[in-house]
Amino acid sequence: MERIVVRGGKPLQGRIKVCGAKNATLAILSAVIMTDGEVILDNVPDISDVRVMVEIIEALGAQSTWLAEDTLSIKCSPKMGYEAPYQLVKKLRASNLLLGPLLARFGAARVALPGGCNIGSRPMDLHFKGLIGLGAELRMDRGYVSGRAGRLQGSKIYLDFPSVGATENIMMAAALAEGQTVVENVAKEPEVVDLANFLNAMGAKIRGAGTDVIKIEGVRRFRDQVRYSIIPDRIEAGTFMVAAAATGGDIVVENVIPPHFEPLNAKLREANVLVEERDDSIRVSAAEPLYPINIKTMPYPGFATDMQSQLMSLLSMVPGTSVIVENIFENRFQVAQELRRMGARIKVEGRVAIIEGVARLQGTQVRATDLRAGAALIIAGLIAEGRTEIQNVHFIDRGYWNLENRIRSLGADIRRE
């Protein structure tokens, strides 16, 4: 079984280019099955989650070709199937995003209950509520979600929580529905906006993405030929930024959209990290001393839950008391136990983690419990004394392309064995 080995003590220096956004890519790949013809996607991250999603849509009948390292062609046809098999779906939480597109395109769907990272229950009730509101009939059937529908009908839908997945599923389904759909209290994440922009490029009529209310005028069909470039991954970029701050480094993160980083930049600056925003890059350089901070994760534009594990590693060596409140997922402090193995002083009480900074971390054997925990443990290894061995690296590969080699290009002592 592969592992990543890190020897700490080297500040990160240099420039690094960010890949396309994982979460935007997975949603857009789900939407691709709603058209006949070819869709070419640029800035696609070649990560395991994307590979699995491509396998799933191939199992439905699509054809895929990598035209370049980050360019993917998908060809769909009217003869595709509507059942997403368990053997593939079990690997990927985002596979539930196929439900809306399948119902809208084929009037039927059978999707196995998904897998992915174990960071909370993440129920699908909001997905179901929205799709039923559009006229779908859904039921649970021995580990599968089965659905039937005639042509979906536009409706007014209110989400009890601004769920990213539910917003995306409803938006995709409504794009081919008859009439207007109005969805209130929607997710405003940049990846939702990117999906809306992609759907509009295919011929959808969607307004309001990035605000509290999205309005969709349904169309009969989408264009047969589309080319689209996916936005950069703000979480990958943020991971590099936190790693630079933690190691006392100085890096420039390229291929980013700076407005996407306002919550992270604000917290890094509060911790006395120097952050310089440019047109399509951000420079991060450490200053001394670093200060303890408090963080509350919130839906966008609040602080991203996908960044709190990385900040926990940084704060574990910042003098004083820092507090992280996790408001999105109820099981996202699993990394704290691994950091404690390295000498961190972290107390978890429900959704609150209290971090007392220590003078040093000690390298040891740890295991990634989910994707972002894996990234956090790499950061911890970069600042620890001695050798850190990280197991379960398949979690890291789900969301980061070639991460250890890219960090090594910034001067770190890190390798995969």
Protein backbone atom coordinates (compact mmCIF):
# COMPACT_ATOMS: atom_id res chain seq x y z
CA MET A 1 0.00 0.00 0.00
CA GLU A 2 1.37 3.41 -0.98
CA ARG A 3 2.30 6.05 1.56
CA ILE A 4 3.62 9.61 1.52
CA VAL A 5 6.74 10.36 3.56
CA VAL A 6 7.56 13.92 4.64
CA ARG A 7 10.61 15.31 6.43
CA GLY A 8 9.78 18.67 7.89
CA GLY A 9 11.66 21.90 8.37
CA LYS A 10 11.90 23.34 4.86
CA PRO A 11 9.98 26.52 3.96
CA LEU A 12 8.08 26.39 0.68
CA GLN A 13 9.42 28.77 -1.98
CA GLY A 14 8.47 29.41 -5.60
CA ARG A 15 5.45 29.41 -7.89
CA ILE A 16 2.70 26.81 -8.28
CA LYS A 17 -0.16 26.56 -10.80
CA VAL A 18 -3.56 25.44 -9.56
CA CYS A 19 -5.60 22.75 -11.34
CA GLY A 20 -9.28 22.94 -12.27
CA ALA A 21 -11.88 22.74 -9.52
CA LYS A 22 -12.73 19.19 -8.48
CA ASN A 23 -16.25 19.97 -7.31
CA ALA A 24 -17.10 22.03 -10.38
CA THR A 25 -15.76 19.29 -12.66
CA LEU A 26 -17.86 16.57 -11.04
CA ALA A 27 -21.05 18.60 -11.37
CA ILE A 28 -20.30 19.55 -14.97
CA LEU A 29 -19.54 15.93 -15.89
CA SER A 30 -22.96 15.02 -14.50
CA ALA A 31 -24.57 17.68 -16.69
CA VAL A 32 -22.79 16.46 -19.82
CA ILE A 33 -25.17 13.49 -20.11
CA MET A 34 -28.04 15.91 -20.78
CA THR A 35 -26.91 16.59 -24.35
CA ASP A 36 -26.36 14.64 -27.57
CA GLY A 37 -23.02 15.25 -29.24
CA GLU A 38 -19.61 16.27 -27.95
CA VAL A 39 -18.58 18.37 -24.97
CA ILE A 40 -14.91 19.37 -24.63
CA LEU A 41 -13.80 20.46 -21.17
CA ASP A 42 -10.56 22.32 -20.50
CA ASN A 43 -8.76 22.71 -17.15
CA VAL A 44 -9.97 19.28 -15.97
CA PRO A 45 -8.03 17.90 -12.98
CA ASP A 46 -6.79 14.36 -13.63
CA ILE A 47 -7.68 13.05 -10.17
CA SER A 48 -9.27 9.81 -9.07
CA ASP A 49 -12.71 11.32 -8.34
CA VAL A 50 -12.87 12.66 -11.89
CA ARG A 51 -11.70 9.33 -13.30
CA VAL A 52 -14.48 7.54 -11.39
CA MET A 53 -17.14 9.98 -12.60
CA VAL A 54 -15.94 9.48 -16.17
CA GLU A 55 -16.22 5.71 -15.66
CA ILE A 56 -19.79 6.15 -14.40
CA ILE A 57 -20.94 8.17 -17.40
CA GLU A 58 -19.14 5.70 -19.67
CA ALA A 59 -21.16 2.93 -17.99
CA LEU A 60 -24.25 4.93 -18.96
CA GLY A 61 -23.11 4.87 -22.60
CA ALA A 62 -20.91 7.95 -23.08
CA GLN A 63 -17.50 7.88 -24.76
CA SER A 64 -14.54 9.78 -23.32
CA THR A 65 -11.12 10.76 -24.64
CA TRP A 66 -8.34 12.71 -22.95
CA LEU A 67 -7.20 15.14 -25.66
CA ALA A 68 -4.45 16.61 -23.47
CA GLU A 69 -3.28 16.47 -19.86
CA ASP A 70 -6.22 18.61 -18.72
CA THR A 71 -8.59 18.48 -21.71
CA LEU A 72 -11.38 15.91 -21.84
CA SER A 73 -13.84 15.08 -24.62
CA ILE A 74 -17.18 13.44 -23.77
CA LYS A 75 -19.56 12.18 -26.48
CA CYS A 76 -23.13 11.25 -25.58
CA SER A 77 -25.99 9.76 -27.59
CA PRO A 78 -29.78 9.26 -27.29
CA LYS A 79 -29.27 5.55 -26.58
CA MET A 80 -27.61 5.95 -23.18
CA GLY A 81 -28.81 4.07 -20.12
CA TYR A 82 -30.15 5.49 -16.87
CA GLU A 83 -28.70 3.18 -14.18
CA ALA A 84 -25.50 4.18 -12.36
CA PRO A 85 -24.00 0.93 -11.01
CA TYR A 86 -23.10 0.38 -7.37
CA GLN A 87 -19.54 -0.84 -8.06
CA LEU A 88 -18.64 2.63 -9.35
CA VAL A 89 -21.04 4.84 -7.42
CA LYS A 90 -19.85 3.46 -4.06
CA LYS A 91 -16.52 5.22 -4.64
CA LEU A 92 -17.92 8.72 -5.14
CA ARG A 93 -20.31 10.90 -3.15
CA ALA A 94 -20.84 13.29 -6.07
CA SER A 95 -22.45 10.52 -8.13
CA ASN A 96 -25.77 11.58 -6.59
CA LEU A 97 -25.60 14.56 -8.96
CA LEU A 98 -26.59 12.21 -11.80
CA LEU A 99 -30.13 11.90 -10.46
CA GLY A 100 -31.45 15.22 -11.77
CA PRO A 101 -29.82 15.01 -15.22
CA LEU A 102 -31.03 11.42 -15.78
CA LEU A 103 -34.61 12.28 -14.82
CA ALA A 104 -34.60 15.38 -17.01
CA ARG A 105 -33.04 13.67 -20.02
CA PHE A 106 -34.54 10.17 -19.95
CA GLY A 107 -37.51 10.40 -17.58
CA ALA A 108 -35.97 7.65 -15.46
CA ALA A 109 -33.03 7.15 -13.10
CA ARG A 110 -31.61 4.41 -10.94
CA VAL A 111 -28.58 5.53 -8.96
CA ALA A 112 -26.91 3.53 -6.20
CA LEU A 113 -26.47 5.32 -2.89
CA PRO A 114 -23.06 7.00 -3.09
CA GLY A 115 -19.78 6.70 -1.20
CA GLY A 116 -16.88 9.15 -0.83
CA CYS A 117 -15.38 10.66 2.33
CA ASN A 118 -16.91 9.75 5.68
CA ILE A 119 -17.29 13.29 7.03
CA GLY A 120 -20.95 13.36 7.95
CA SER A 121 -24.35 12.02 7.05
CA ARG A 122 -24.91 14.48 4.17
CA PRO A 123 -28.54 13.38 3.63
CA MET A 124 -30.22 13.62 0.23
CA ASP A 125 -33.58 14.83 1.50
CA LEU A 126 -33.12 18.28 -0.04
CA HIS A 127 -32.27 16.68 -3.40
CA PHE A 128 -35.44 14.59 -3.19
CA LYS A 129 -37.62 17.50 -2.11
CA GLY A 130 -36.52 19.60 -5.06
CA LEU A 131 -36.85 16.86 -7.68
CA ILE A 132 -40.25 15.80 -6.36
CA GLY A 133 -41.26 19.45 -6.55
CA LEU A 134 -40.44 19.32 -10.27
CA GLY A 135 -42.74 16.31 -10.74
CA ALA A 136 -40.44 13.33 -10.26
CA GLU A 137 -41.48 10.18 -8.41
CA LEU A 138 -38.67 8.83 -6.23
CA ARG A 139 -38.26 5.80 -4.00
CA MET A 140 -35.53 3.91 -2.18
CA ASP A 141 -35.05 0.42 -3.59
CA ARG A 142 -32.49 -1.92 -1.95
CA GLY A 143 -29.60 0.51 -1.90
CA TYR A 144 -30.67 2.44 -4.99
CA VAL A 145 -32.60 5.65 -5.57
CA SER A 146 -35.09 4.99 -8.36
CA GLY A 147 -37.00 7.73 -10.11
CA ARG A 148 -39.58 8.23 -12.86
CA ALA A 149 -40.93 11.34 -14.52
CA GLY A 150 -42.63 12.62 -17.60
CA ARG A 151 -41.31 15.96 -18.69
CA LEU A 152 -40.45 17.77 -15.49
CA GLN A 153 -42.51 20.87 -14.68
CA GLY A 154 -41.18 24.18 -13.44
CA SER A 155 -41.94 24.98 -9.82
CA LYS A 156 -41.08 27.22 -6.89
CA ILE A 157 -38.71 25.50 -4.45
CA TYR A 158 -37.32 26.65 -1.12
CA LEU A 159 -34.26 24.89 0.32
CA ASP A 160 -34.18 24.60 4.11
CA PHE A 161 -30.37 24.73 3.89
CA PRO A 162 -28.24 26.09 1.02
CA SER A 163 -26.96 22.65 0.00
CA VAL A 164 -24.50 22.71 -2.89
CA GLY A 165 -25.50 19.29 -4.20
CA ALA A 166 -29.23 19.92 -3.95
CA THR A 167 -28.88 23.30 -5.66
CA GLU A 168 -26.93 21.69 -8.50
CA ASN A 169 -29.28 18.71 -8.91
CA ILE A 170 -32.36 20.92 -9.03
CA MET A 171 -30.73 23.42 -11.37
CA MET A 172 -29.73 20.71 -13.85
CA ALA A 173 -33.14 19.03 -13.77
CA ALA A 174 -35.01 22.33 -14.12
CA ALA A 175 -32.91 23.36 -17.11
CA LEU A 176 -34.84 20.86 -19.28
CA ALA A 177 -38.19 21.23 -17.47
CA GLU A 178 -41.26 22.91 -18.92
CA GLY A 179 -41.73 26.46 -17.68
CA GLN A 180 -39.95 28.49 -15.02
CA THR A 181 -38.37 27.18 -11.83
CA VAL A 182 -37.49 29.51 -8.96
CA VAL A 183 -35.20 28.10 -6.26
CA GLU A 184 -34.75 30.12 -3.07
CA ASN A 185 -32.05 29.92 -0.37
CA VAL A 186 -29.65 28.27 -2.79
CA ALA A 187 -25.94 27.61 -2.42
CA LYS A 188 -23.78 30.46 -3.74
CA GLU A 189 -20.45 28.64 -4.09
CA PRO A 190 -18.28 29.47 -7.13
CA GLU A 191 -18.67 25.86 -8.28
CA VAL A 192 -22.45 26.35 -8.46
CA VAL A 193 -21.91 29.46 -10.57
CA ASP A 194 -19.52 27.54 -12.81
CA LEU A 195 -22.11 24.81 -13.37
CA ALA A 196 -24.73 27.44 -14.24
CA ASN A 197 -22.33 29.06 -16.70
CA PHE A 198 -21.66 25.67 -18.30
CA LEU A 199 -25.37 24.90 -18.58
CA ASN A 200 -25.94 28.31 -20.17
CA ALA A 201 -23.13 27.58 -22.62
CA MET A 202 -25.08 24.44 -23.57
CA GLY A 203 -28.22 26.50 -24.15
CA ALA A 204 -29.88 26.67 -20.73
CA LYS A 205 -31.51 29.85 -19.45
CA ILE A 206 -30.35 30.31 -15.87
CA ARG A 207 -30.16 33.59 -13.97
CA GLY A 208 -29.10 34.43 -10.44
CA ALA A 209 -26.39 31.85 -9.76
CA GLY A 210 -24.22 33.24 -6.98
CA THR A 211 -27.20 34.97 -5.31
CA ASP A 212 -29.88 33.69 -2.93
CA VAL A 213 -32.38 32.99 -5.73
CA ILE A 214 -31.85 31.13 -8.99
CA LYS A 215 -34.39 31.34 -11.83
CA ILE A 216 -34.40 28.74 -14.59
CA GLU A 217 -36.45 28.89 -17.80
CA GLY A 218 -36.63 25.36 -19.11
CA VAL A 219 -35.58 24.57 -22.68
CA ARG A 220 -36.37 21.57 -24.88
CA ARG A 221 -32.82 20.47 -25.61
CA PHE A 222 -29.20 21.54 -25.41
CA ARG A 223 -26.62 22.25 -28.09
CA ASP A 224 -24.70 19.33 -29.59
CA GLN A 225 -21.25 20.97 -29.53
CA VAL A 226 -19.85 22.82 -26.50
CA ARG A 227 -16.36 23.71 -25.29
CA TYR A 228 -15.90 25.04 -21.77
CA SER A 229 -13.04 25.79 -19.36
CA ILE A 230 -13.54 24.89 -15.69
CA ILE A 231 -12.67 27.38 -12.95
CA PRO A 232 -9.54 26.90 -10.80
CA ASP A 233 -9.79 24.91 -7.59
CA ARG A 234 -9.97 27.34 -4.67
CA ILE A 235 -9.49 24.56 -2.10
CA GLU A 236 -6.33 23.24 -3.75
CA ALA A 237 -5.01 26.80 -3.94
CA GLY A 238 -5.92 27.39 -0.31
CA THR A 239 -4.06 24.23 0.69
CA PHE A 240 -0.87 25.54 -0.91
CA MET A 241 -1.39 28.93 0.73
CA VAL A 242 -1.77 27.46 4.21
CA ALA A 243 1.24 25.19 3.64
CA ALA A 244 3.36 28.22 2.75
CA ALA A 245 2.20 30.11 5.83
CA ALA A 246 2.80 27.11 8.10
CA THR A 247 6.35 26.48 6.87
CA GLY A 248 7.43 30.12 6.97
CA GLY A 249 7.59 30.15 3.19
CA ASP A 250 6.95 32.55 0.34
CA ILE A 251 5.02 31.30 -2.71
CA VAL A 252 2.92 32.61 -5.57
CA VAL A 253 -0.19 30.57 -6.35
CA GLU A 254 -1.10 30.99 -10.02
CA ASN A 255 -4.28 30.41 -12.05
CA VAL A 256 -6.70 31.54 -9.34
CA ILE A 257 -9.71 33.86 -9.07
CA PRO A 258 -8.80 36.11 -6.09
CA PRO A 259 -12.39 37.05 -5.07
CA HIS A 260 -12.99 33.36 -4.27
CA PHE A 261 -10.47 33.63 -1.41
CA GLU A 262 -11.87 36.49 0.66
CA PRO A 263 -12.76 34.37 3.75
CA LEU A 264 -9.42 32.51 3.73
CA ASN A 265 -7.37 35.62 3.03
CA ALA A 266 -9.09 37.45 5.88
CA LYS A 267 -8.24 34.69 8.36
CA LEU A 268 -4.65 34.34 7.15
CA ARG A 269 -4.14 38.09 7.53
CA GLU A 270 -5.71 37.94 10.99
CA ALA A 271 -3.06 35.33 11.83
CA ASN A 272 -0.36 37.80 10.61
CA VAL A 273 0.30 36.07 7.28
CA LEU A 274 1.15 38.40 4.39
CA VAL A 275 -1.32 37.91 1.52
CA GLU A 276 -1.01 39.86 -1.74
CA GLU A 277 -3.78 39.49 -4.32
CA ARG A 278 -2.96 40.02 -7.98
CA ASP A 279 -5.04 39.68 -11.17
CA ASP A 280 -4.91 35.87 -11.39
CA SER A 281 -2.47 34.92 -8.63
CA ILE A 282 -1.96 35.30 -4.89
CA ARG A 283 1.34 35.66 -3.06
CA VAL A 284 1.55 34.26 0.46
CA SER A 285 4.54 34.90 2.71
CA ALA A 286 4.89 34.16 6.39
CA ALA A 287 5.60 36.74 9.03
CA GLU A 288 6.51 36.34 12.69
CA PRO A 289 4.91 35.85 15.05
CA LEU A 290 1.76 34.07 13.89
CA TYR A 291 -1.34 34.81 15.96
CA PRO A 292 -4.11 32.45 17.14
CA ILE A 293 -7.48 32.92 15.42
CA ASN A 294 -11.06 31.69 15.65
CA ILE A 295 -12.84 30.14 12.66
CA LYS A 296 -16.49 29.27 12.00
CA THR A 297 -17.21 27.28 8.86
CA MET A 298 -20.23 28.52 6.93
CA PRO A 299 -21.77 28.17 3.47
CA TYR A 300 -20.07 30.40 0.89
CA PRO A 301 -19.18 33.26 1.14
CA GLY A 302 -18.33 32.12 4.66
CA PHE A 303 -15.21 30.17 5.58
CA ALA A 304 -15.13 26.86 3.68
CA THR A 305 -15.46 23.63 5.62
CA ASP A 306 -13.00 22.12 3.13
CA MET A 307 -10.25 24.40 4.51
CA GLN A 308 -10.61 23.97 8.26
CA SER A 309 -8.51 20.79 8.55
CA GLN A 310 -5.55 22.51 6.86
CA LEU A 311 -5.90 25.52 9.18
CA MET A 312 -5.97 23.15 12.16
CA SER A 313 -2.51 21.91 11.22
CA LEU A 314 -1.21 25.47 10.93
CA LEU A 315 -2.78 26.57 14.23
CA SER A 316 -1.40 23.56 16.10
CA MET A 317 1.98 25.37 16.25
CA VAL A 318 0.70 28.93 16.75
CA PRO A 319 1.20 30.14 20.36
CA GLY A 320 -2.06 30.71 22.20
CA THR A 321 -5.58 29.34 21.89
CA SER A 322 -7.42 29.01 18.58
CA VAL A 323 -10.99 27.78 18.16
CA ILE A 324 -12.61 26.13 15.13
CA VAL A 325 -16.40 25.73 14.99
CA GLU A 326 -17.62 23.30 12.31
CA ASN A 327 -21.14 24.26 11.20
CA ILE A 328 -21.44 22.17 8.02
CA PHE A 329 -20.45 18.55 8.75
CA GLU A 330 -20.74 16.88 12.14
CA ASN A 331 -17.81 14.49 11.77
CA ARG A 332 -15.02 16.64 10.37
CA PHE A 333 -12.57 16.68 13.27
CA GLN A 334 -11.21 13.16 12.73
CA VAL A 335 -7.86 14.68 11.77
CA ALA A 336 -7.48 16.03 15.32
CA GLN A 337 -6.74 12.55 16.64
CA GLU A 338 -3.94 12.11 14.09
CA LEU A 339 -2.49 15.53 14.88
CA ARG A 340 -2.48 14.63 18.58
CA ARG A 341 -0.28 11.66 17.68
CA MET A 342 2.22 14.24 16.43
CA GLY A 343 2.07 16.19 19.69
CA ALA A 344 -0.68 18.70 18.95
CA ARG A 345 -2.90 19.81 21.83
CA ILE A 346 -6.43 19.73 20.43
CA LYS A 347 -9.62 19.21 22.42
CA VAL A 348 -12.79 18.37 20.50
CA GLU A 349 -16.19 19.04 22.04
CA GLY A 350 -18.94 18.23 19.55
CA ARG A 351 -18.64 20.72 16.71
CA VAL A 352 -15.92 22.77 18.44
CA ALA A 353 -12.17 22.16 18.36
CA ILE A 354 -9.96 24.06 20.82
CA ILE A 355 -6.31 24.22 19.77
CA GLU A 356 -3.51 25.12 22.17
CA GLY A 357 -0.42 25.86 20.11
CA VAL A 358 2.70 23.82 20.89
CA ALA A 359 6.35 24.63 20.24
CA ARG A 360 6.85 21.71 17.88
CA LEU A 361 5.22 18.68 16.28
CA GLN A 362 7.00 15.34 16.04
CA GLY A 363 6.92 13.26 12.89
CA THR A 364 5.27 9.86 13.26
CA GLN A 365 2.99 7.45 11.41
CA VAL A 366 -0.48 8.84 10.74
CA ARG A 367 -3.38 8.02 8.44
CA ALA A 368 -5.62 10.17 6.30
CA THR A 369 -9.28 9.76 7.28
CA ASP A 370 -10.64 11.82 4.38
CA LEU A 371 -9.43 13.99 1.51
CA ARG A 372 -8.83 17.25 3.39
CA ALA A 373 -7.47 15.47 6.45
CA GLY A 374 -4.84 13.97 4.16
CA ALA A 375 -3.83 17.43 2.97
CA ALA A 376 -3.76 18.65 6.57
CA LEU A 377 -1.42 15.82 7.59
CA ILE A 378 0.96 16.70 4.77
CA ILE A 379 1.05 20.27 6.10
CA ALA A 380 1.67 18.94 9.60
CA GLY A 381 4.50 16.79 8.25
CA LEU A 382 6.05 19.82 6.57
CA ILE A 383 6.34 21.64 9.92
CA ALA A 384 7.09 18.65 12.16
CA GLU A 385 10.51 17.53 13.34
CA GLY A 386 11.70 14.32 11.76
CA ARG A 387 9.87 11.86 9.52
CA THR A 388 6.10 11.74 9.03
CA GLU A 389 4.54 8.78 7.22
CA ILE A 390 1.00 9.28 5.91
CA GLN A 391 -1.11 6.25 5.08
CA ASN A 392 -4.43 6.00 3.19
CA VAL A 393 -3.08 8.29 0.47
CA HIS A 394 -5.90 7.23 -1.86
CA PHE A 395 -7.99 9.86 -0.06
CA ILE A 396 -5.49 12.54 -1.11
CA ASP A 397 -5.53 11.33 -4.72
CA ARG A 398 -9.29 11.84 -4.82
CA GLY A 399 -8.88 15.61 -4.90
CA TYR A 400 -5.24 16.58 -5.55
CA TRP A 401 -3.31 15.87 -8.73
CA ASN A 402 0.32 14.81 -8.22
CA LEU A 403 0.38 16.64 -4.90
CA GLU A 404 3.66 15.35 -3.46
CA ASN A 405 5.65 16.18 -6.62
CA ARG A 406 4.17 19.65 -6.83
CA ILE A 407 4.98 20.37 -3.19
CA ARG A 408 8.48 18.99 -3.74
CA SER A 409 8.90 21.51 -6.58
CA LEU A 410 8.51 24.19 -3.89
CA GLY A 411 11.43 22.80 -1.90
CA ALA A 412 9.78 20.27 0.41
CA ASP A 413 11.34 16.92 1.31
CA ILE A 414 8.39 14.71 0.36
CA ARG A 415 7.97 11.55 -1.65
CA ARG A 416 5.60 8.68 -2.32
CA GLU A 417 6.70 5.14 -1.50
